Amino acid sequence: MAKSTSSDAQMLIRSLRTAYAATPTNLKVVYMVIVGSFPFNSFLSGVLSCVGTAVLAVCLRIQVNKENKEFKDLPPERAYADFVFCNLVLHLVIMNFLG
């Protein structure tokens, strides 16, 4: 079973190398300019996702709290809809940043 997994991994690596070699250089340069080549994109995406979600959750809690007089005219449904929409936008940006 280990031999099968090893050969599958080698085939996958070979396939990725072939696809990378077949990609035009201009496309690689454009992708690097747009997305960037920073090696810690996944780490930054994870941190920004956690921090952004925490900030949005705090904002939701502030808006839904009945003791807060500043948002008394805001219905809770609107606050939840804003929370969901902002989370979708945040995570789409995070996914785009990952590449």
PDB file of N, CA and C in Angstrom:
ATOM      1  N   MET A   1       0.817  -1.193   0.000  1.00  0.00           N
ATOM      2  CA  MET A   1       0.000   0.000   0.000  1.00  0.00           C
ATOM      3  C   MET A   1       0.862   1.259   0.000  1.00  0.00           C
ATOM      4  N   ALA A   2       1.984   1.227   0.729  1.00  0.00           N
ATOM      5  CA  ALA A   2       2.869   2.383   0.774  1.00  0.00           C
ATOM      6  C   ALA A   2       3.502   2.639  -0.587  1.00  0.00           C
ATOM      7  N   LYS A   3       3.775   1.567  -1.324  1.00  0.00           N
ATOM      8  CA  LYS A   3       4.376   1.723  -2.647  1.00  0.00           C
ATOM      9  C   LYS A   3       3.408   2.432  -3.584  1.00  0.00           C
ATOM     10  N   SER A   4       2.141   2.094  -3.508  1.00  0.00           N
ATOM     11  CA  SER A   4       1.127   2.742  -4.329  1.00  0.00           C
ATOM     12  C   SER A   4       1.029   4.226  -4.002  1.00  0.00           C
ATOM     13  N   THR A   5       1.057   4.558  -2.719  1.00  0.00           N
ATOM     14  CA  THR A   5       0.986   5.954  -2.297  1.00  0.00           C
ATOM     15  C   THR A   5       2.214   6.712  -2.761  1.00  0.00           C
ATOM     16  N   SER A   6       3.366   6.082  -2.673  1.00  0.00           N
ATOM     17  CA  SER A   6       4.609   6.708  -3.108  1.00  0.00           C
ATOM     18  C   SER A   6       4.586   6.970  -4.610  1.00  0.00           C
ATOM     19  N   SER A   7       4.137   6.008  -5.387  1.00  0.00           N
ATOM     20  CA  SER A   7       4.097   6.204  -6.838  1.00  0.00           C
ATOM     21  C   SER A   7       3.041   7.242  -7.220  1.00  0.00           C
ATOM     22  N   ASP A   8       1.939   7.276  -6.473  1.00  0.00           N
ATOM     23  CA  ASP A   8       0.923   8.303  -6.738  1.00  0.00           C
ATOM     24  C   ASP A   8       1.474   9.694  -6.468  1.00  0.00           C
ATOM     25  N   ALA A   9       2.226   9.833  -5.391  1.00  0.00           N
ATOM     26  CA  ALA A   9       2.813  11.126  -5.058  1.00  0.00           C
ATOM     27  C   ALA A   9       3.828  11.541  -6.118  1.00  0.00           C
ATOM     28  N   GLN A  10       4.614  10.594  -6.593  1.00  0.00           N
ATOM     29  CA  GLN A  10       5.587  10.911  -7.631  1.00  0.00           C
ATOM     30  C   GLN A  10       4.892  11.326  -8.926  1.00  0.00           C
ATOM     31  N   MET A  11       3.803  10.653  -9.264  1.00  0.00           N
ATOM     32  CA  MET A  11       3.051  11.030 -10.469  1.00  0.00           C
ATOM     33  C   MET A  11       2.457  12.422 -10.326  1.00  0.00           C
ATOM     34  N   LEU A  12       1.959  12.756  -9.139  1.00  0.00           N
ATOM     35  CA  LEU A  12       1.387  14.081  -8.900  1.00  0.00           C
ATOM     36  C   LEU A  12       2.456  15.157  -9.022  1.00  0.00           C
ATOM     37  N   ILE A  13       3.618  14.923  -8.434  1.00  0.00           N
ATOM     38  CA  ILE A  13       4.713  15.899  -8.520  1.00  0.00           C
ATOM     39  C   ILE A  13       5.165  16.064  -9.966  1.00  0.00           C
ATOM     40  N   ARG A  14       5.280  14.959 -10.693  1.00  0.00           N
ATOM     41  CA  ARG A  14       5.671  15.021 -12.100  1.00  0.00           C
ATOM     42  C   ARG A  14       4.644  15.809 -12.915  1.00  0.00           C
ATOM     43  N   SER A  15       3.373  15.576 -12.627  1.00  0.00           N
ATOM     44  CA  SER A  15       2.305  16.290 -13.331  1.00  0.00           C
ATOM     45  C   SER A  15       2.355  17.793 -13.047  1.00  0.00           C
ATOM     46  N   LEU A  16       2.576  18.155 -11.785  1.00  0.00           N
ATOM     47  CA  LEU A  16       2.667  19.574 -11.431  1.00  0.00           C
ATOM     48  C   LEU A  16       3.871  20.242 -12.095  1.00  0.00           C
ATOM     49  N   ARG A  17       5.001  19.542 -12.128  1.00  0.00           N
ATOM     50  CA  ARG A  17       6.194  20.102 -12.781  1.00  0.00           C
ATOM     51  C   ARG A  17       5.955  20.296 -14.282  1.00  0.00           C
ATOM     52  N   THR A  18       5.283  19.353 -14.901  1.00  0.00           N
ATOM     53  CA  THR A  18       4.979  19.469 -16.327  1.00  0.00           C
ATOM     54  C   THR A  18       4.041  20.645 -16.588  1.00  0.00           C
ATOM     55  N   ALA A  19       3.026  20.786 -15.759  1.00  0.00           N
ATOM     56  CA  ALA A  19       2.087  21.898 -15.926  1.00  0.00           C
ATOM     57  C   ALA A  19       2.780  23.228 -15.685  1.00  0.00           C
ATOM     58  N   TYR A  20       3.665  23.285 -14.686  1.00  0.00           N
ATOM     59  CA  TYR A  20       4.395  24.522 -14.403  1.00  0.00           C
ATOM     60  C   TYR A  20       5.324  24.887 -15.554  1.00  0.00           C
ATOM     61  N   ALA A  21       5.980  23.896 -16.128  1.00  0.00           N
ATOM     62  CA  ALA A  21       6.881  24.151 -17.254  1.00  0.00           C
ATOM     63  C   ALA A  21       6.108  24.596 -18.495  1.00  0.00           C
ATOM     64  N   ALA A  22       4.857  24.122 -18.630  1.00  0.00           N
ATOM     65  CA  ALA A  22       4.062  24.480 -19.802  1.00  0.00           C
ATOM     66  C   ALA A  22       3.393  25.849 -19.663  1.00  0.00           C
ATOM     67  N   THR A  23       3.363  26.419 -18.461  1.00  0.00           N
ATOM     68  CA  THR A  23       2.741  27.729 -18.249  1.00  0.00           C
ATOM     69  C   THR A  23       3.637  28.817 -18.836  1.00  0.00           C
ATOM     70  N   PRO A  24       3.075  29.709 -19.644  1.00  0.00           N
ATOM     71  CA  PRO A  24       3.891  30.777 -20.242  1.00  0.00           C
ATOM     72  C   PRO A  24       4.502  31.689 -19.170  1.00  0.00           C
ATOM     73  N   THR A  25       5.693  32.185 -19.449  1.00  0.00           N
ATOM     74  CA  THR A  25       6.395  33.045 -18.499  1.00  0.00           C
ATOM     75  C   THR A  25       5.631  34.335 -18.253  1.00  0.00           C
ATOM     76  N   ASN A  26       4.988  34.881 -19.292  1.00  0.00           N
ATOM     77  CA  ASN A  26       4.230  36.119 -19.125  1.00  0.00           C
ATOM     78  C   ASN A  26       3.109  35.942 -18.101  1.00  0.00           C
ATOM     79  N   LEU A  27       2.448  34.798 -18.142  1.00  0.00           N
ATOM     80  CA  LEU A  27       1.374  34.527 -17.191  1.00  0.00           C
ATOM     81  C   LEU A  27       1.922  34.407 -15.771  1.00  0.00           C
ATOM     82  N   LYS A  28       3.078  33.782 -15.620  1.00  0.00           N
ATOM     83  CA  LYS A  28       3.693  33.669 -14.302  1.00  0.00           C
ATOM     84  C   LYS A  28       4.054  35.041 -13.743  1.00  0.00           C
ATOM     85  N   VAL A  29       4.581  35.924 -14.582  1.00  0.00           N
ATOM     86  CA  VAL A  29       4.957  37.268 -14.143  1.00  0.00           C
ATOM     87  C   VAL A  29       3.713  38.072 -13.759  1.00  0.00           C
ATOM     88  N   VAL A  30       2.664  37.996 -14.563  1.00  0.00           N
ATOM     89  CA  VAL A  30       1.425  38.717 -14.244  1.00  0.00           C
ATOM     90  C   VAL A  30       0.852  38.218 -12.917  1.00  0.00           C
ATOM     91  N   TYR A  31       0.846  36.913 -12.716  1.00  0.00           N
ATOM     92  CA  TYR A  31       0.333  36.352 -11.460  1.00  0.00           C
ATOM     93  C   TYR A  31       1.162  36.840 -10.271  1.00  0.00           C
ATOM     94  N   MET A  32       2.485  36.870 -10.416  1.00  0.00           N
ATOM     95  CA  MET A  32       3.346  37.316  -9.333  1.00  0.00           C
ATOM     96  C   MET A  32       3.105  38.788  -9.015  1.00  0.00           C
ATOM     97  N   VAL A  33       2.876  39.605 -10.048  1.00  0.00           N
ATOM     98  CA  VAL A  33       2.627  41.030  -9.830  1.00  0.00           C
ATOM     99  C   VAL A  33       1.288  41.239  -9.126  1.00  0.00           C
ATOM    100  N   ILE A  34       0.270  40.498  -9.524  1.00  0.00           N
ATOM    101  CA  ILE A  34      -1.069  40.673  -8.943  1.00  0.00           C
ATOM    102  C   ILE A  34      -1.146  40.071  -7.547  1.00  0.00           C
ATOM    103  N   VAL A  35      -0.726  38.832  -7.381  1.00  0.00           N
ATOM    104  CA  VAL A  35      -0.878  38.118  -6.117  1.00  0.00           C
ATOM    105  C   VAL A  35       0.310  38.351  -5.203  1.00  0.00           C
ATOM    106  N   GLY A  36       1.499  38.391  -5.761  1.00  0.00           N
ATOM    107  CA  GLY A  36       2.698  38.563  -4.959  1.00  0.00           C
ATOM    108  C   GLY A  36       3.420  37.249  -4.769  1.00  0.00           C
ATOM    109  N   SER A  37       4.615  37.337  -4.269  1.00  0.00           N
ATOM    110  CA  SER A  37       5.408  36.122  -4.074  1.00  0.00           C
ATOM    111  C   SER A  37       5.825  35.966  -2.617  1.00  0.00           C
ATOM    112  N   PHE A  38       5.138  36.615  -1.716  1.00  0.00           N
ATOM    113  CA  PHE A  38       5.471  36.524  -0.302  1.00  0.00           C
ATOM    114  C   PHE A  38       5.245  35.094   0.174  1.00  0.00           C
ATOM    115  N   PRO A  39       6.223  34.483   0.825  1.00  0.00           N
ATOM    116  CA  PRO A  39       6.096  33.051   1.150  1.00  0.00           C
ATOM    117  C   PRO A  39       5.148  32.726   2.297  1.00  0.00           C
ATOM    118  N   PHE A  40       4.720  33.694   3.059  1.00  0.00           N
ATOM    119  CA  PHE A  40       3.883  33.413   4.213  1.00  0.00           C
ATOM    120  C   PHE A  40       2.429  33.835   3.984  1.00  0.00           C
ATOM    121  N   ASN A  41       1.955  33.755   2.740  1.00  0.00           N
ATOM    122  CA  ASN A  41       0.583  34.159   2.449  1.00  0.00           C
ATOM    123  C   ASN A  41      -0.428  33.327   3.221  1.00  0.00           C
ATOM    124  N   SER A  42      -0.193  32.045   3.361  1.00  0.00           N
ATOM    125  CA  SER A  42      -1.152  31.209   4.084  1.00  0.00           C
ATOM    126  C   SER A  42      -1.179  31.571   5.565  1.00  0.00           C
ATOM    127  N   PHE A  43      -0.023  31.847   6.155  1.00  0.00           N
ATOM    128  CA  PHE A  43       0.017  32.249   7.557  1.00  0.00           C
ATOM    129  C   PHE A  43      -0.704  33.579   7.746  1.00  0.00           C
ATOM    130  N   LEU A  44      -0.410  34.551   6.883  1.00  0.00           N
ATOM    131  CA  LEU A  44      -1.078  35.853   6.981  1.00  0.00           C
ATOM    132  C   LEU A  44      -2.576  35.727   6.760  1.00  0.00           C
ATOM    133  N   SER A  45      -2.966  34.894   5.838  1.00  0.00           N
ATOM    134  CA  SER A  45      -4.399  34.694   5.583  1.00  0.00           C
ATOM    135  C   SER A  45      -5.093  34.112   6.807  1.00  0.00           C
ATOM    136  N   GLY A  46      -4.477  33.155   7.447  1.00  0.00           N
ATOM    137  CA  GLY A  46      -5.067  32.570   8.645  1.00  0.00           C
ATOM    138  C   GLY A  46      -5.204  33.572   9.771  1.00  0.00           C
ATOM    139  N   VAL A  47      -4.151  34.349   9.985  1.00  0.00           N
ATOM    140  CA  VAL A  47      -4.198  35.356  11.051  1.00  0.00           C
ATOM    141  C   VAL A  47      -5.236  36.420  10.739  1.00  0.00           C
ATOM    142  N   LEU A  48      -5.236  36.925   9.513  1.00  0.00           N
ATOM    143  CA  LEU A  48      -6.195  37.965   9.144  1.00  0.00           C
ATOM    144  C   LEU A  48      -7.630  37.449   9.182  1.00  0.00           C
ATOM    145  N   SER A  49      -7.821  36.201   8.836  1.00  0.00           N
ATOM    146  CA  SER A  49      -9.157  35.618   8.903  1.00  0.00           C
ATOM    147  C   SER A  49      -9.647  35.551  10.342  1.00  0.00           C
ATOM    148  N   CYS A  50      -8.785  35.104  11.240  1.00  0.00           N
ATOM    149  CA  CYS A  50      -9.167  35.014  12.662  1.00  0.00           C
ATOM    150  C   CYS A  50      -9.432  36.394  13.255  1.00  0.00           C
ATOM    151  N   VAL A  51      -8.534  37.320  13.000  1.00  0.00           N
ATOM    152  CA  VAL A  51      -8.697  38.673  13.554  1.00  0.00           C
ATOM    153  C   VAL A  51      -9.923  39.351  12.955  1.00  0.00           C
ATOM    154  N   GLY A  52     -10.097  39.232  11.645  1.00  0.00           N
ATOM    155  CA  GLY A  52     -11.253  39.854  10.997  1.00  0.00           C
ATOM    156  C   GLY A  52     -12.567  39.288  11.482  1.00  0.00           C
ATOM    157  N   THR A  53     -12.636  37.982  11.652  1.00  0.00           N
ATOM    158  CA  THR A  53     -13.860  37.353  12.148  1.00  0.00           C
ATOM    159  C   THR A  53     -14.133  37.781  13.586  1.00  0.00           C
ATOM    160  N   ALA A  54     -13.094  37.884  14.406  1.00  0.00           N
ATOM    161  CA  ALA A  54     -13.277  38.326  15.789  1.00  0.00           C
ATOM    162  C   ALA A  54     -13.784  39.766  15.837  1.00  0.00           C
ATOM    163  N   VAL A  55     -13.225  40.627  15.000  1.00  0.00           N
ATOM    164  CA  VAL A  55     -13.679  42.027  14.962  1.00  0.00           C
ATOM    165  C   VAL A  55     -15.135  42.099  14.511  1.00  0.00           C
ATOM    166  N   LEU A  56     -15.494  41.343  13.497  1.00  0.00           N
ATOM    167  CA  LEU A  56     -16.884  41.350  13.036  1.00  0.00           C
ATOM    168  C   LEU A  56     -17.831  40.795  14.100  1.00  0.00           C
ATOM    169  N   ALA A  57     -17.386  39.783  14.857  1.00  0.00           N
ATOM    170  CA  ALA A  57     -18.222  39.235  15.923  1.00  0.00           C
ATOM    171  C   ALA A  57     -18.424  40.261  17.039  1.00  0.00           C
ATOM    172  N   VAL A  58     -17.382  41.000  17.377  1.00  0.00           N
ATOM    173  CA  VAL A  58     -17.513  42.050  18.396  1.00  0.00           C
ATOM    174  C   VAL A  58     -18.469  43.137  17.916  1.00  0.00           C
ATOM    175  N   CYS A  59     -18.350  43.517  16.658  1.00  0.00           N
ATOM    176  CA  CYS A  59     -19.265  44.526  16.100  1.00  0.00           C
ATOM    177  C   CYS A  59     -20.707  44.030  16.133  1.00  0.00           C
ATOM    178  N   LEU A  60     -20.914  42.763  15.825  1.00  0.00           N
ATOM    179  CA  LEU A  60     -22.263  42.200  15.875  1.00  0.00           C
ATOM    180  C   LEU A  60     -22.797  42.226  17.302  1.00  0.00           C
ATOM    181  N   ARG A  61     -21.955  41.851  18.235  1.00  0.00           N
ATOM    182  CA  ARG A  61     -22.392  41.850  19.637  1.00  0.00           C
ATOM    183  C   ARG A  61     -22.747  43.254  20.112  1.00  0.00           C
ATOM    184  N   ILE A  62     -21.978  44.242  19.701  1.00  0.00           N
ATOM    185  CA  ILE A  62     -22.276  45.631  20.075  1.00  0.00           C
ATOM    186  C   ILE A  62     -23.600  46.078  19.472  1.00  0.00           C
ATOM    187  N   GLN A  63     -23.846  45.717  18.219  1.00  0.00           N
ATOM    188  CA  GLN A  63     -25.067  46.154  17.540  1.00  0.00           C
ATOM    189  C   GLN A  63     -26.306  45.453  18.081  1.00  0.00           C
ATOM    190  N   VAL A  64     -26.183  44.205  18.504  1.00  0.00           N
ATOM    191  CA  VAL A  64     -27.346  43.434  18.948  1.00  0.00           C
ATOM    192  C   VAL A  64     -27.660  43.680  20.430  1.00  0.00           C
ATOM    193  N   ASN A  65     -26.694  44.173  21.199  1.00  0.00           N
ATOM    194  CA  ASN A  65     -26.887  44.416  22.624  1.00  0.00           C
ATOM    195  C   ASN A  65     -28.001  45.446  22.843  1.00  0.00           C
ATOM    196  N   LYS A  66     -29.013  45.074  23.602  1.00  0.00           N
ATOM    197  CA  LYS A  66     -30.161  45.948  23.821  1.00  0.00           C
ATOM    198  C   LYS A  66     -29.835  47.123  24.733  1.00  0.00           C
ATOM    199  N   GLU A  67     -28.791  47.011  25.533  1.00  0.00           N
ATOM    200  CA  GLU A  67     -28.406  48.093  26.429  1.00  0.00           C
ATOM    201  C   GLU A  67     -27.650  49.200  25.705  1.00  0.00           C
ATOM    202  N   ASN A  68     -27.188  48.946  24.500  1.00  0.00           N
ATOM    203  CA  ASN A  68     -26.454  49.945  23.733  1.00  0.00           C
ATOM    204  C   ASN A  68     -27.448  50.879  23.058  1.00  0.00           C
ATOM    205  N   LYS A  69     -27.422  52.144  23.440  1.00  0.00           N
ATOM    206  CA  LYS A  69     -28.394  53.118  22.925  1.00  0.00           C
ATOM    207  C   LYS A  69     -28.018  53.643  21.531  1.00  0.00           C
ATOM    208  N   GLU A  70     -26.773  53.461  21.141  1.00  0.00           N
ATOM    209  CA  GLU A  70     -26.313  53.997  19.856  1.00  0.00           C
ATOM    210  C   GLU A  70     -26.949  53.281  18.671  1.00  0.00           C
ATOM    211  N   PHE A  71     -27.237  51.986  18.811  1.00  0.00           N
ATOM    212  CA  PHE A  71     -27.797  51.200  17.716  1.00  0.00           C
ATOM    213  C   PHE A  71     -29.238  50.779  18.006  1.00  0.00           C
ATOM    214  N   LYS A  72     -29.979  51.580  18.755  1.00  0.00           N
ATOM    215  CA  LYS A  72     -31.338  51.177  19.136  1.00  0.00           C
ATOM    216  C   LYS A  72     -32.287  51.141  17.945  1.00  0.00           C
ATOM    217  N   ASP A  73     -32.025  51.923  16.890  1.00  0.00           N
ATOM    218  CA  ASP A  73     -32.895  51.942  15.711  1.00  0.00           C
ATOM    219  C   ASP A  73     -32.552  50.846  14.710  1.00  0.00           C
ATOM    220  N   LEU A  74     -31.461  50.146  14.925  1.00  0.00           N
ATOM    221  CA  LEU A  74     -31.019  49.098  13.999  1.00  0.00           C
ATOM    222  C   LEU A  74     -31.672  47.770  14.371  1.00  0.00           C
ATOM    223  N   PRO A  75     -32.461  47.193  13.467  1.00  0.00           N
ATOM    224  CA  PRO A  75     -33.073  45.889  13.794  1.00  0.00           C
ATOM    225  C   PRO A  75     -32.004  44.790  13.848  1.00  0.00           C
ATOM    226  N   PRO A  76     -32.203  43.803  14.711  1.00  0.00           N
ATOM    227  CA  PRO A  76     -31.204  42.722  14.824  1.00  0.00           C
ATOM    228  C   PRO A  76     -31.012  41.952  13.522  1.00  0.00           C
ATOM    229  N   GLU A  77     -32.067  41.830  12.712  1.00  0.00           N
ATOM    230  CA  GLU A  77     -31.934  41.123  11.430  1.00  0.00           C
ATOM    231  C   GLU A  77     -30.935  41.824  10.528  1.00  0.00           C
ATOM    232  N   ARG A  78     -30.942  43.153  10.554  1.00  0.00           N
ATOM    233  CA  ARG A  78     -30.007  43.925   9.736  1.00  0.00           C
ATOM    234  C   ARG A  78     -28.574  43.711  10.233  1.00  0.00           C
ATOM    235  N   ALA A  79     -28.399  43.669  11.548  1.00  0.00           N
ATOM    236  CA  ALA A  79     -27.065  43.445  12.109  1.00  0.00           C
ATOM    237  C   ALA A  79     -26.537  42.067  11.712  1.00  0.00           C
ATOM    238  N   TYR A  80     -27.397  41.048  11.790  1.00  0.00           N
ATOM    239  CA  TYR A  80     -26.972  39.700  11.392  1.00  0.00           C
ATOM    240  C   TYR A  80     -26.676  39.631   9.893  1.00  0.00           C
ATOM    241  N   ALA A  81     -27.489  40.293   9.085  1.00  0.00           N
ATOM    242  CA  ALA A  81     -27.251  40.306   7.638  1.00  0.00           C
ATOM    243  C   ALA A  81     -25.923  40.996   7.322  1.00  0.00           C
ATOM    244  N   ASP A  82     -25.641  42.107   8.000  1.00  0.00           N
ATOM    245  CA  ASP A  82     -24.355  42.783   7.809  1.00  0.00           C
ATOM    246  C   ASP A  82     -23.193  41.885   8.205  1.00  0.00           C
ATOM    247  N   PHE A  83     -23.364  41.164   9.313  1.00  0.00           N
ATOM    248  CA  PHE A  83     -22.320  40.255   9.784  1.00  0.00           C
ATOM    249  C   PHE A  83     -22.033  39.162   8.760  1.00  0.00           C
ATOM    250  N   VAL A  84     -23.080  38.562   8.235  1.00  0.00           N
ATOM    251  CA  VAL A  84     -22.913  37.484   7.250  1.00  0.00           C
ATOM    252  C   VAL A  84     -22.283  38.026   5.967  1.00  0.00           C
ATOM    253  N   PHE A  85     -22.779  39.162   5.487  1.00  0.00           N
ATOM    254  CA  PHE A  85     -22.243  39.747   4.253  1.00  0.00           C
ATOM    255  C   PHE A  85     -20.763  40.118   4.417  1.00  0.00           C
ATOM    256  N   CYS A  86     -20.426  40.759   5.528  1.00  0.00           N
ATOM    257  CA  CYS A  86     -19.032  41.150   5.753  1.00  0.00           C
ATOM    258  C   CYS A  86     -18.123  39.936   5.908  1.00  0.00           C
ATOM    259  N   ASN A  87     -18.623  38.860   6.533  1.00  0.00           N
ATOM    260  CA  ASN A  87     -17.829  37.639   6.633  1.00  0.00           C
ATOM    261  C   ASN A  87     -17.592  37.023   5.259  1.00  0.00           C
ATOM    262  N   LEU A  88     -18.622  37.039   4.415  1.00  0.00           N
ATOM    263  CA  LEU A  88     -18.436  36.509   3.055  1.00  0.00           C
ATOM    264  C   LEU A  88     -17.386  37.308   2.295  1.00  0.00           C
ATOM    265  N   VAL A  89     -17.469  38.621   2.369  1.00  0.00           N
ATOM    266  CA  VAL A  89     -16.486  39.472   1.679  1.00  0.00           C
ATOM    267  C   VAL A  89     -15.093  39.235   2.248  1.00  0.00           C
ATOM    268  N   LEU A  90     -14.986  39.189   3.573  1.00  0.00           N
ATOM    269  CA  LEU A  90     -13.685  38.960   4.215  1.00  0.00           C
ATOM    270  C   LEU A  90     -13.069  37.648   3.752  1.00  0.00           C
ATOM    271  N   HIS A  91     -13.852  36.594   3.745  1.00  0.00           N
ATOM    272  CA  HIS A  91     -13.284  35.298   3.390  1.00  0.00           C
ATOM    273  C   HIS A  91     -13.041  35.153   1.891  1.00  0.00           C
ATOM    274  N   LEU A  92     -13.780  35.852   1.069  1.00  0.00           N
ATOM    275  CA  LEU A  92     -13.454  35.885  -0.363  1.00  0.00           C
ATOM    276  C   LEU A  92     -12.115  36.580  -0.593  1.00  0.00           C
ATOM    277  N   VAL A  93     -11.891  37.668   0.123  1.00  0.00           N
ATOM    278  CA  VAL A  93     -10.604  38.368   0.017  1.00  0.00           C
ATOM    279  C   VAL A  93      -9.470  37.471   0.524  1.00  0.00           C
ATOM    280  N   ILE A  94      -9.706  36.766   1.622  1.00  0.00           N
ATOM    281  CA  ILE A  94      -8.693  35.862   2.165  1.00  0.00           C
ATOM    282  C   ILE A  94      -8.385  34.748   1.166  1.00  0.00           C
ATOM    283  N   MET A  95      -9.416  34.172   0.562  1.00  0.00           N
ATOM    284  CA  MET A  95      -9.200  33.104  -0.431  1.00  0.00           C
ATOM    285  C   MET A  95      -8.441  33.633  -1.645  1.00  0.00           C
ATOM    286  N   ASN A  96      -8.754  34.858  -2.055  1.00  0.00           N
ATOM    287  CA  ASN A  96      -8.039  35.451  -3.178  1.00  0.00           C
ATOM    288  C   ASN A  96      -6.581  35.701  -2.814  1.00  0.00           C
ATOM    289  N   PHE A  97      -6.335  36.104  -1.575  1.00  0.00           N
ATOM    290  CA  PHE A  97      -4.965  36.361  -1.131  1.00  0.00           C
ATOM    291  C   PHE A  97      -4.155  35.079  -1.093  1.00  0.00           C
ATOM    292  N   LEU A  98      -4.818  33.956  -0.796  1.00  0.00           N
ATOM    293  CA  LEU A  98      -4.114  32.678  -0.798  1.00  0.00           C
ATOM    294  C   LEU A  98      -3.661  32.292  -2.205  1.00  0.00           C
ATOM    295  N   GLY A  99      -4.429  32.713  -3.200  1.00  0.00           N
ATOM    296  CA  GLY A  99      -4.069  32.385  -4.575  1.00  0.00           C
ATOM    297  C   GLY A  99      -4.856  31.245  -5.014  1.00  0.00           C
TER     298      GLY A  99
END
